[in-house]
Amino acid sequence: MKARWSVRALAQLRDAHNYIAHDNVTAAREFVVSATALADLLSTHPGIGIETNEPGVIMFPLVRYRYLIFYKILRKKEVRIIRLRHASRRR
């Protein structure tokens, strides 16, 4: 399976990077590396996430940074990262 980021999720990744970079550029780079590594992990093990109340949407935490990655499995050929948000933000 392949992991792909939606336009929305990429924008959220960029925004999170920019926010973290205000305080620590190195941490911001590490955040992006961790998020993309998690996306790669989800592409090989898509069932490790937690199902949400939204049909077909699965969530997995990026624990170190307190972000949540939301994704869908599309026709068992692709993991689509659809959203990235900080765990303290409201739904």
PDB file of N, CA and C in Angstrom:
ATOM      1  N   MET A   1       0.839  -1.180   0.000  1.00  0.00           N
ATOM      2  CA  MET A   1       0.000   0.000   0.000  1.00  0.00           C
ATOM      3  C   MET A   1       0.881   1.240   0.000  1.00  0.00           C
ATOM      4  N   LYS A   2       0.336   2.295  -0.495  1.00  0.00           N
ATOM      5  CA  LYS A   2       1.064   3.563  -0.559  1.00  0.00           C
ATOM      6  C   LYS A   2       0.345   4.591   0.312  1.00  0.00           C
ATOM      7  N   ALA A   3       1.107   5.443   0.980  1.00  0.00           N
ATOM      8  CA  ALA A   3       0.517   6.535   1.763  1.00  0.00           C
ATOM      9  C   ALA A   3       0.546   7.812   0.940  1.00  0.00           C
ATOM     10  N   ARG A   4      -0.584   8.487   0.883  1.00  0.00           N
ATOM     11  CA  ARG A   4      -0.673   9.769   0.179  1.00  0.00           C
ATOM     12  C   ARG A   4      -1.359  10.771   1.094  1.00  0.00           C
ATOM     13  N   TRP A   5      -0.912  11.995   1.012  1.00  0.00           N
ATOM     14  CA  TRP A   5      -1.471  13.072   1.823  1.00  0.00           C
ATOM     15  C   TRP A   5      -2.463  13.876   0.992  1.00  0.00           C
ATOM     16  N   SER A   6      -3.617  14.186   1.569  1.00  0.00           N
ATOM     17  CA  SER A   6      -4.562  15.064   0.887  1.00  0.00           C
ATOM     18  C   SER A   6      -4.003  16.487   0.920  1.00  0.00           C
ATOM     19  N   VAL A   7      -4.543  17.333   0.077  1.00  0.00           N
ATOM     20  CA  VAL A   7      -4.122  18.733   0.043  1.00  0.00           C
ATOM     21  C   VAL A   7      -4.347  19.374   1.407  1.00  0.00           C
ATOM     22  N   ARG A   8      -5.492  19.079   1.999  1.00  0.00           N
ATOM     23  CA  ARG A   8      -5.832  19.627   3.318  1.00  0.00           C
ATOM     24  C   ARG A   8      -4.821  19.176   4.369  1.00  0.00           C
ATOM     25  N   ALA A   9      -4.496  17.883   4.383  1.00  0.00           N
ATOM     26  CA  ALA A   9      -3.559  17.356   5.370  1.00  0.00           C
ATOM     27  C   ALA A   9      -2.159  17.941   5.172  1.00  0.00           C
ATOM     28  N   LEU A  10      -1.746  18.107   3.926  1.00  0.00           N
ATOM     29  CA  LEU A  10      -0.442  18.727   3.660  1.00  0.00           C
ATOM     30  C   LEU A  10      -0.401  20.169   4.160  1.00  0.00           C
ATOM     31  N   ALA A  11      -1.492  20.887   3.978  1.00  0.00           N
ATOM     32  CA  ALA A  11      -1.560  22.267   4.473  1.00  0.00           C
ATOM     33  C   ALA A  11      -1.499  22.282   5.997  1.00  0.00           C
ATOM     34  N   GLN A  12      -2.167  21.336   6.630  1.00  0.00           N
ATOM     35  CA  GLN A  12      -2.137  21.257   8.092  1.00  0.00           C
ATOM     36  C   GLN A  12      -0.744  20.865   8.589  1.00  0.00           C
ATOM     37  N   LEU A  13      -0.066  19.990   7.861  1.00  0.00           N
ATOM     38  CA  LEU A  13       1.304  19.615   8.204  1.00  0.00           C
ATOM     39  C   LEU A  13       2.219  20.839   8.099  1.00  0.00           C
ATOM     40  N   ARG A  14       2.065  21.590   7.032  1.00  0.00           N
ATOM     41  CA  ARG A  14       2.868  22.809   6.847  1.00  0.00           C
ATOM     42  C   ARG A  14       2.593  23.828   7.952  1.00  0.00           C
ATOM     43  N   ASP A  15       1.311  24.009   8.293  1.00  0.00           N
ATOM     44  CA  ASP A  15       0.954  24.963   9.347  1.00  0.00           C
ATOM     45  C   ASP A  15       1.538  24.542  10.696  1.00  0.00           C
ATOM     46  N   ALA A  16       1.473  23.246  10.988  1.00  0.00           N
ATOM     47  CA  ALA A  16       2.029  22.739  12.248  1.00  0.00           C
ATOM     48  C   ALA A  16       3.540  22.945  12.266  1.00  0.00           C
ATOM     49  N   HIS A  17       4.183  22.662  11.143  1.00  0.00           N
ATOM     50  CA  HIS A  17       5.633  22.875  11.032  1.00  0.00           C
ATOM     51  C   HIS A  17       5.974  24.328  11.308  1.00  0.00           C
ATOM     52  N   ASN A  18       5.262  25.236  10.671  1.00  0.00           N
ATOM     53  CA  ASN A  18       5.529  26.666  10.847  1.00  0.00           C
ATOM     54  C   ASN A  18       5.310  27.104  12.291  1.00  0.00           C
ATOM     55  N   TYR A  19       4.275  26.573  12.917  1.00  0.00           N
ATOM     56  CA  TYR A  19       3.980  26.922  14.311  1.00  0.00           C
ATOM     57  C   TYR A  19       5.111  26.455  15.225  1.00  0.00           C
ATOM     58  N   ILE A  20       5.546  25.221  15.066  1.00  0.00           N
ATOM     59  CA  ILE A  20       6.618  24.677  15.890  1.00  0.00           C
ATOM     60  C   ILE A  20       7.935  25.406  15.604  1.00  0.00           C
ATOM     61  N   ALA A  21       8.162  25.760  14.341  1.00  0.00           N
ATOM     62  CA  ALA A  21       9.411  26.416  13.940  1.00  0.00           C
ATOM     63  C   ALA A  21       9.584  27.790  14.566  1.00  0.00           C
ATOM     64  N   HIS A  22       8.489  28.430  14.978  1.00  0.00           N
ATOM     65  CA  HIS A  22       8.616  29.726  15.645  1.00  0.00           C
ATOM     66  C   HIS A  22       9.480  29.618  16.895  1.00  0.00           C
ATOM     67  N   ASP A  23       9.394  28.477  17.573  1.00  0.00           N
ATOM     68  CA  ASP A  23      10.170  28.268  18.795  1.00  0.00           C
ATOM     69  C   ASP A  23      11.425  27.438  18.563  1.00  0.00           C
ATOM     70  N   ASN A  24      11.341  26.472  17.616  1.00  0.00           N
ATOM     71  CA  ASN A  24      12.456  25.536  17.475  1.00  0.00           C
ATOM     72  C   ASN A  24      12.449  24.933  16.068  1.00  0.00           C
ATOM     73  N   VAL A  25      13.345  25.389  15.236  1.00  0.00           N
ATOM     74  CA  VAL A  25      13.403  24.931  13.840  1.00  0.00           C
ATOM     75  C   VAL A  25      13.747  23.447  13.762  1.00  0.00           C
ATOM     76  N   THR A  26      14.648  23.002  14.612  1.00  0.00           N
ATOM     77  CA  THR A  26      15.035  21.589  14.608  1.00  0.00           C
ATOM     78  C   THR A  26      13.857  20.704  14.982  1.00  0.00           C
ATOM     79  N   ALA A  27      13.111  21.094  15.992  1.00  0.00           N
ATOM     80  CA  ALA A  27      11.936  20.323  16.404  1.00  0.00           C
ATOM     81  C   ALA A  27      10.892  20.297  15.294  1.00  0.00           C
ATOM     82  N   ALA A  28      10.764  21.386  14.559  1.00  0.00           N
ATOM     83  CA  ALA A  28       9.806  21.435  13.456  1.00  0.00           C
ATOM     84  C   ALA A  28      10.186  20.444  12.365  1.00  0.00           C
ATOM     85  N   ARG A  29      11.476  20.381  12.048  1.00  0.00           N
ATOM     86  CA  ARG A  29      11.935  19.395  11.049  1.00  0.00           C
ATOM     87  C   ARG A  29      11.699  17.973  11.543  1.00  0.00           C
ATOM     88  N   GLU A  30      12.003  17.733  12.814  1.00  0.00           N
ATOM     89  CA  GLU A  30      11.794  16.402  13.390  1.00  0.00           C
ATOM     90  C   GLU A  30      10.316  16.025  13.398  1.00  0.00           C
ATOM     91  N   PHE A  31       9.458  17.017  13.605  1.00  0.00           N
ATOM     92  CA  PHE A  31       8.016  16.775  13.562  1.00  0.00           C
ATOM     93  C   PHE A  31       7.590  16.270  12.187  1.00  0.00           C
ATOM     94  N   VAL A  32       8.055  16.940  11.141  1.00  0.00           N
ATOM     95  CA  VAL A  32       7.695  16.533   9.776  1.00  0.00           C
ATOM     96  C   VAL A  32       8.249  15.144   9.478  1.00  0.00           C
ATOM     97  N   VAL A  33       9.470  14.874   9.890  1.00  0.00           N
ATOM     98  CA  VAL A  33      10.060  13.546   9.680  1.00  0.00           C
ATOM     99  C   VAL A  33       9.231  12.489  10.407  1.00  0.00           C
ATOM    100  N   SER A  34       8.829  12.773  11.643  1.00  0.00           N
ATOM    101  CA  SER A  34       8.024  11.823  12.414  1.00  0.00           C
ATOM    102  C   SER A  34       6.656  11.592  11.783  1.00  0.00           C
ATOM    103  N   ALA A  35       6.031  12.668  11.318  1.00  0.00           N
ATOM    104  CA  ALA A  35       4.705  12.548  10.703  1.00  0.00           C
ATOM    105  C   ALA A  35       4.773  11.738   9.411  1.00  0.00           C
ATOM    106  N   THR A  36       5.777  11.985   8.596  1.00  0.00           N
ATOM    107  CA  THR A  36       5.891  11.228   7.347  1.00  0.00           C
ATOM    108  C   THR A  36       6.293   9.777   7.609  1.00  0.00           C
ATOM    109  N   ALA A  37       7.105   9.544   8.627  1.00  0.00           N
ATOM    110  CA  ALA A  37       7.452   8.166   8.995  1.00  0.00           C
ATOM    111  C   ALA A  37       6.217   7.422   9.487  1.00  0.00           C
ATOM    112  N   LEU A  38       5.362   8.112  10.245  1.00  0.00           N
ATOM    113  CA  LEU A  38       4.131   7.478  10.707  1.00  0.00           C
ATOM    114  C   LEU A  38       3.220   7.165   9.526  1.00  0.00           C
ATOM    115  N   ALA A  39       3.147   8.054   8.556  1.00  0.00           N
ATOM    116  CA  ALA A  39       2.342   7.786   7.358  1.00  0.00           C
ATOM    117  C   ALA A  39       2.858   6.550   6.638  1.00  0.00           C
ATOM    118  N   ASP A  40       4.177   6.411   6.550  1.00  0.00           N
ATOM    119  CA  ASP A  40       4.761   5.220   5.924  1.00  0.00           C
ATOM    120  C   ASP A  40       4.424   3.958   6.716  1.00  0.00           C
ATOM    121  N   LEU A  41       4.473   4.060   8.045  1.00  0.00           N
ATOM    122  CA  LEU A  41       4.105   2.915   8.890  1.00  0.00           C
ATOM    123  C   LEU A  41       2.648   2.524   8.667  1.00  0.00           C
ATOM    124  N   LEU A  42       1.779   3.523   8.582  1.00  0.00           N
ATOM    125  CA  LEU A  42       0.357   3.246   8.354  1.00  0.00           C
ATOM    126  C   LEU A  42       0.128   2.601   6.994  1.00  0.00           C
ATOM    127  N   SER A  43       0.976   2.903   6.032  1.00  0.00           N
ATOM    128  CA  SER A  43       0.807   2.298   4.709  1.00  0.00           C
ATOM    129  C   SER A  43       1.130   0.804   4.741  1.00  0.00           C
ATOM    130  N   THR A  44       2.010   0.395   5.638  1.00  0.00           N
ATOM    131  CA  THR A  44       2.343  -1.028   5.735  1.00  0.00           C
ATOM    132  C   THR A  44       1.503  -1.754   6.785  1.00  0.00           C
ATOM    133  N   HIS A  45       0.982  -1.002   7.758  1.00  0.00           N
ATOM    134  CA  HIS A  45       0.147  -1.589   8.817  1.00  0.00           C
ATOM    135  C   HIS A  45      -1.096  -0.720   9.039  1.00  0.00           C
ATOM    136  N   PRO A  46      -1.980  -0.653   8.071  1.00  0.00           N
ATOM    137  CA  PRO A  46      -3.111   0.277   8.172  1.00  0.00           C
ATOM    138  C   PRO A  46      -4.105  -0.042   9.281  1.00  0.00           C
ATOM    139  N   GLY A  47      -4.090  -1.260   9.776  1.00  0.00           N
ATOM    140  CA  GLY A  47      -5.057  -1.646  10.798  1.00  0.00           C
ATOM    141  C   GLY A  47      -4.681  -1.265  12.217  1.00  0.00           C
ATOM    142  N   ILE A  48      -3.557  -0.584  12.417  1.00  0.00           N
ATOM    143  CA  ILE A  48      -3.144  -0.280  13.785  1.00  0.00           C
ATOM    144  C   ILE A  48      -3.844   0.934  14.377  1.00  0.00           C
ATOM    145  N   GLY A  49      -4.571   1.676  13.578  1.00  0.00           N
ATOM    146  CA  GLY A  49      -5.249   2.876  14.062  1.00  0.00           C
ATOM    147  C   GLY A  49      -6.536   2.560  14.798  1.00  0.00           C
ATOM    148  N   ILE A  50      -7.171   3.607  15.273  1.00  0.00           N
ATOM    149  CA  ILE A  50      -8.420   3.514  16.031  1.00  0.00           C
ATOM    150  C   ILE A  50      -9.542   4.069  15.174  1.00  0.00           C
ATOM    151  N   GLU A  51     -10.603   3.290  15.005  1.00  0.00           N
ATOM    152  CA  GLU A  51     -11.741   3.765  14.218  1.00  0.00           C
ATOM    153  C   GLU A  51     -12.404   4.942  14.935  1.00  0.00           C
ATOM    154  N   THR A  52     -12.839   5.915  14.154  1.00  0.00           N
ATOM    155  CA  THR A  52     -13.525   7.082  14.713  1.00  0.00           C
ATOM    156  C   THR A  52     -15.026   6.941  14.494  1.00  0.00           C
ATOM    157  N   ASN A  53     -15.778   7.946  14.929  1.00  0.00           N
ATOM    158  CA  ASN A  53     -17.227   7.942  14.708  1.00  0.00           C
ATOM    159  C   ASN A  53     -17.585   8.206  13.255  1.00  0.00           C
ATOM    160  N   GLU A  54     -16.651   8.775  12.485  1.00  0.00           N
ATOM    161  CA  GLU A  54     -16.892   9.008  11.066  1.00  0.00           C
ATOM    162  C   GLU A  54     -16.658   7.712  10.308  1.00  0.00           C
ATOM    163  N   PRO A  55     -17.600   7.275   9.497  1.00  0.00           N
ATOM    164  CA  PRO A  55     -17.438   6.021   8.764  1.00  0.00           C
ATOM    165  C   PRO A  55     -16.188   6.025   7.879  1.00  0.00           C
ATOM    166  N   GLY A  56     -15.372   5.003   8.048  1.00  0.00           N
ATOM    167  CA  GLY A  56     -14.193   4.827   7.225  1.00  0.00           C
ATOM    168  C   GLY A  56     -12.978   5.634   7.639  1.00  0.00           C
ATOM    169  N   VAL A  57     -13.117   6.465   8.655  1.00  0.00           N
ATOM    170  CA  VAL A  57     -11.999   7.302   9.094  1.00  0.00           C
ATOM    171  C   VAL A  57     -11.334   6.658  10.309  1.00  0.00           C
ATOM    172  N   ILE A  58     -10.016   6.550  10.232  1.00  0.00           N
ATOM    173  CA  ILE A  58      -9.218   5.923  11.278  1.00  0.00           C
ATOM    174  C   ILE A  58      -8.239   6.971  11.799  1.00  0.00           C
ATOM    175  N   MET A  59      -7.913   6.893  13.107  1.00  0.00           N
ATOM    176  CA  MET A  59      -7.033   7.864  13.721  1.00  0.00           C
ATOM    177  C   MET A  59      -5.856   7.144  14.363  1.00  0.00           C
ATOM    178  N   PHE A  60      -4.692   7.800  14.300  1.00  0.00           N
ATOM    179  CA  PHE A  60      -3.521   7.284  15.002  1.00  0.00           C
ATOM    180  C   PHE A  60      -2.762   8.480  15.564  1.00  0.00           C
ATOM    181  N   PRO A  61      -2.352   8.407  16.836  1.00  0.00           N
ATOM    182  CA  PRO A  61      -1.676   9.569  17.443  1.00  0.00           C
ATOM    183  C   PRO A  61      -0.187   9.629  17.112  1.00  0.00           C
ATOM    184  N   LEU A  62       0.275  10.829  16.909  1.00  0.00           N
ATOM    185  CA  LEU A  62       1.701  11.116  16.810  1.00  0.00           C
ATOM    186  C   LEU A  62       2.065  11.623  18.210  1.00  0.00           C
ATOM    187  N   VAL A  63       2.276  10.681  19.103  1.00  0.00           N
ATOM    188  CA  VAL A  63       2.290  10.921  20.541  1.00  0.00           C
ATOM    189  C   VAL A  63       3.277  12.004  20.972  1.00  0.00           C
ATOM    190  N   ARG A  64       4.494  11.926  20.531  1.00  0.00           N
ATOM    191  CA  ARG A  64       5.529  12.867  20.990  1.00  0.00           C
ATOM    192  C   ARG A  64       5.122  14.327  20.804  1.00  0.00           C
ATOM    193  N   TYR A  65       4.382  14.593  19.742  1.00  0.00           N
ATOM    194  CA  TYR A  65       4.017  15.969  19.424  1.00  0.00           C
ATOM    195  C   TYR A  65       2.555  16.280  19.733  1.00  0.00           C
ATOM    196  N   ARG A  66       1.836  15.314  20.252  1.00  0.00           N
ATOM    197  CA  ARG A  66       0.422  15.466  20.603  1.00  0.00           C
ATOM    198  C   ARG A  66      -0.436  15.864  19.395  1.00  0.00           C
ATOM    199  N   TYR A  67      -0.128  15.284  18.254  1.00  0.00           N
ATOM    200  CA  TYR A  67      -0.939  15.464  17.057  1.00  0.00           C
ATOM    201  C   TYR A  67      -1.632  14.160  16.715  1.00  0.00           C
ATOM    202  N   LEU A  68      -2.750  14.265  16.036  1.00  0.00           N
ATOM    203  CA  LEU A  68      -3.517  13.106  15.594  1.00  0.00           C
ATOM    204  C   LEU A  68      -3.533  13.091  14.075  1.00  0.00           C
ATOM    205  N   ILE A  69      -3.298  11.927  13.520  1.00  0.00           N
ATOM    206  CA  ILE A  69      -3.368  11.750  12.071  1.00  0.00           C
ATOM    207  C   ILE A  69      -4.628  10.950  11.760  1.00  0.00           C
ATOM    208  N   PHE A  70      -5.446  11.498  10.889  1.00  0.00           N
ATOM    209  CA  PHE A  70      -6.675  10.826  10.468  1.00  0.00           C
ATOM    210  C   PHE A  70      -6.485  10.349   9.039  1.00  0.00           C
ATOM    211  N   TYR A  71      -6.922   9.126   8.779  1.00  0.00           N
ATOM    212  CA  TYR A  71      -6.711   8.558   7.448  1.00  0.00           C
ATOM    213  C   TYR A  71      -7.839   7.612   7.065  1.00  0.00           C
ATOM    214  N   LYS A  72      -7.870   7.297   5.781  1.00  0.00           N
ATOM    215  CA  LYS A  72      -8.813   6.322   5.228  1.00  0.00           C
ATOM    216  C   LYS A  72      -8.022   5.302   4.418  1.00  0.00           C
ATOM    217  N   ILE A  73      -8.550   4.101   4.355  1.00  0.00           N
ATOM    218  CA  ILE A  73      -7.974   3.071   3.498  1.00  0.00           C
ATOM    219  C   ILE A  73      -8.825   3.035   2.238  1.00  0.00           C
ATOM    220  N   LEU A  74      -8.211   3.313   1.109  1.00  0.00           N
ATOM    221  CA  LEU A  74      -8.934   3.385  -0.154  1.00  0.00           C
ATOM    222  C   LEU A  74      -8.682   2.124  -0.980  1.00  0.00           C
ATOM    223  N   ARG A  75      -9.698   1.349  -1.179  1.00  0.00           N
ATOM    224  CA  ARG A  75      -9.664   0.130  -1.998  1.00  0.00           C
ATOM    225  C   ARG A  75      -8.469  -0.769  -1.697  1.00  0.00           C
ATOM    226  N   LYS A  76      -8.032  -0.772  -0.457  1.00  0.00           N
ATOM    227  CA  LYS A  76      -6.927  -1.626  -0.004  1.00  0.00           C
ATOM    228  C   LYS A  76      -5.656  -1.441  -0.820  1.00  0.00           C
ATOM    229  N   LYS A  77      -5.555  -0.288  -1.496  1.00  0.00           N
ATOM    230  CA  LYS A  77      -4.364   0.006  -2.286  1.00  0.00           C
ATOM    231  C   LYS A  77      -3.658   1.260  -1.796  1.00  0.00           C
ATOM    232  N   GLU A  78      -4.364   2.062  -1.005  1.00  0.00           N
ATOM    233  CA  GLU A  78      -3.806   3.351  -0.614  1.00  0.00           C
ATOM    234  C   GLU A  78      -4.302   3.757   0.759  1.00  0.00           C
ATOM    235  N   VAL A  79      -3.411   4.318   1.545  1.00  0.00           N
ATOM    236  CA  VAL A  79      -3.769   4.976   2.794  1.00  0.00           C
ATOM    237  C   VAL A  79      -3.748   6.468   2.503  1.00  0.00           C
ATOM    238  N   ARG A  80      -4.884   7.119   2.646  1.00  0.00           N
ATOM    239  CA  ARG A  80      -4.985   8.550   2.364  1.00  0.00           C
ATOM    240  C   ARG A  80      -5.027   9.301   3.691  1.00  0.00           C
ATOM    241  N   ILE A  81      -4.006  10.088   3.949  1.00  0.00           N
ATOM    242  CA  ILE A  81      -3.978  10.933   5.140  1.00  0.00           C
ATOM    243  C   ILE A  81      -4.899  12.110   4.833  1.00  0.00           C
ATOM    244  N   ILE A  82      -5.977  12.230   5.603  1.00  0.00           N
ATOM    245  CA  ILE A  82      -6.981  13.245   5.276  1.00  0.00           C
ATOM    246  C   ILE A  82      -6.937  14.456   6.197  1.00  0.00           C
ATOM    247  N   ARG A  83      -6.327  14.276   7.389  1.00  0.00           N
ATOM    248  CA  ARG A  83      -6.356  15.390   8.338  1.00  0.00           C
ATOM    249  C   ARG A  83      -5.251  15.206   9.366  1.00  0.00           C
ATOM    250  N   LEU A  84      -4.745  16.298   9.874  1.00  0.00           N
ATOM    251  CA  LEU A  84      -3.744  16.303  10.929  1.00  0.00           C
ATOM    252  C   LEU A  84      -4.141  17.436  11.878  1.00  0.00           C
ATOM    253  N   ARG A  85      -4.300  17.107  13.143  1.00  0.00           N
ATOM    254  CA  ARG A  85      -4.655  18.184  14.078  1.00  0.00           C
ATOM    255  C   ARG A  85      -4.045  17.930  15.439  1.00  0.00           C
ATOM    256  N   HIS A  86      -3.853  19.002  16.189  1.00  0.00           N
ATOM    257  CA  HIS A  86      -3.306  18.898  17.531  1.00  0.00           C
ATOM    258  C   HIS A  86      -4.365  18.254  18.430  1.00  0.00           C
ATOM    259  N   ALA A  87      -3.920  17.422  19.351  1.00  0.00           N
ATOM    260  CA  ALA A  87      -4.836  16.665  20.199  1.00  0.00           C
ATOM    261  C   ALA A  87      -5.678  17.555  21.103  1.00  0.00           C
ATOM    262  N   SER A  88      -5.206  18.757  21.422  1.00  0.00           N
ATOM    263  CA  SER A  88      -5.963  19.629  22.323  1.00  0.00           C
ATOM    264  C   SER A  88      -7.034  20.443  21.598  1.00  0.00           C
ATOM    265  N   ARG A  89      -7.052  20.422  20.274  1.00  0.00           N
ATOM    266  CA  ARG A  89      -8.049  21.171  19.515  1.00  0.00           C
ATOM    267  C   ARG A  89      -9.384  20.440  19.516  1.00  0.00           C
ATOM    268  N   ARG A  90     -10.434  21.228  19.522  1.00  0.00           N
ATOM    269  CA  ARG A  90     -11.767  20.637  19.441  1.00  0.00           C
ATOM    270  C   ARG A  90     -12.001  20.062  18.068  1.00  0.00           C
ATOM    271  N   ARG A  91     -12.917  19.116  18.011  1.00  0.00           N
ATOM    272  CA  ARG A  91     -13.286  18.519  16.727  1.00  0.00           C
ATOM    273  C   ARG A  91     -13.982  19.503  15.841  1.00  0.00           C
TER     274      ARG A  91
END
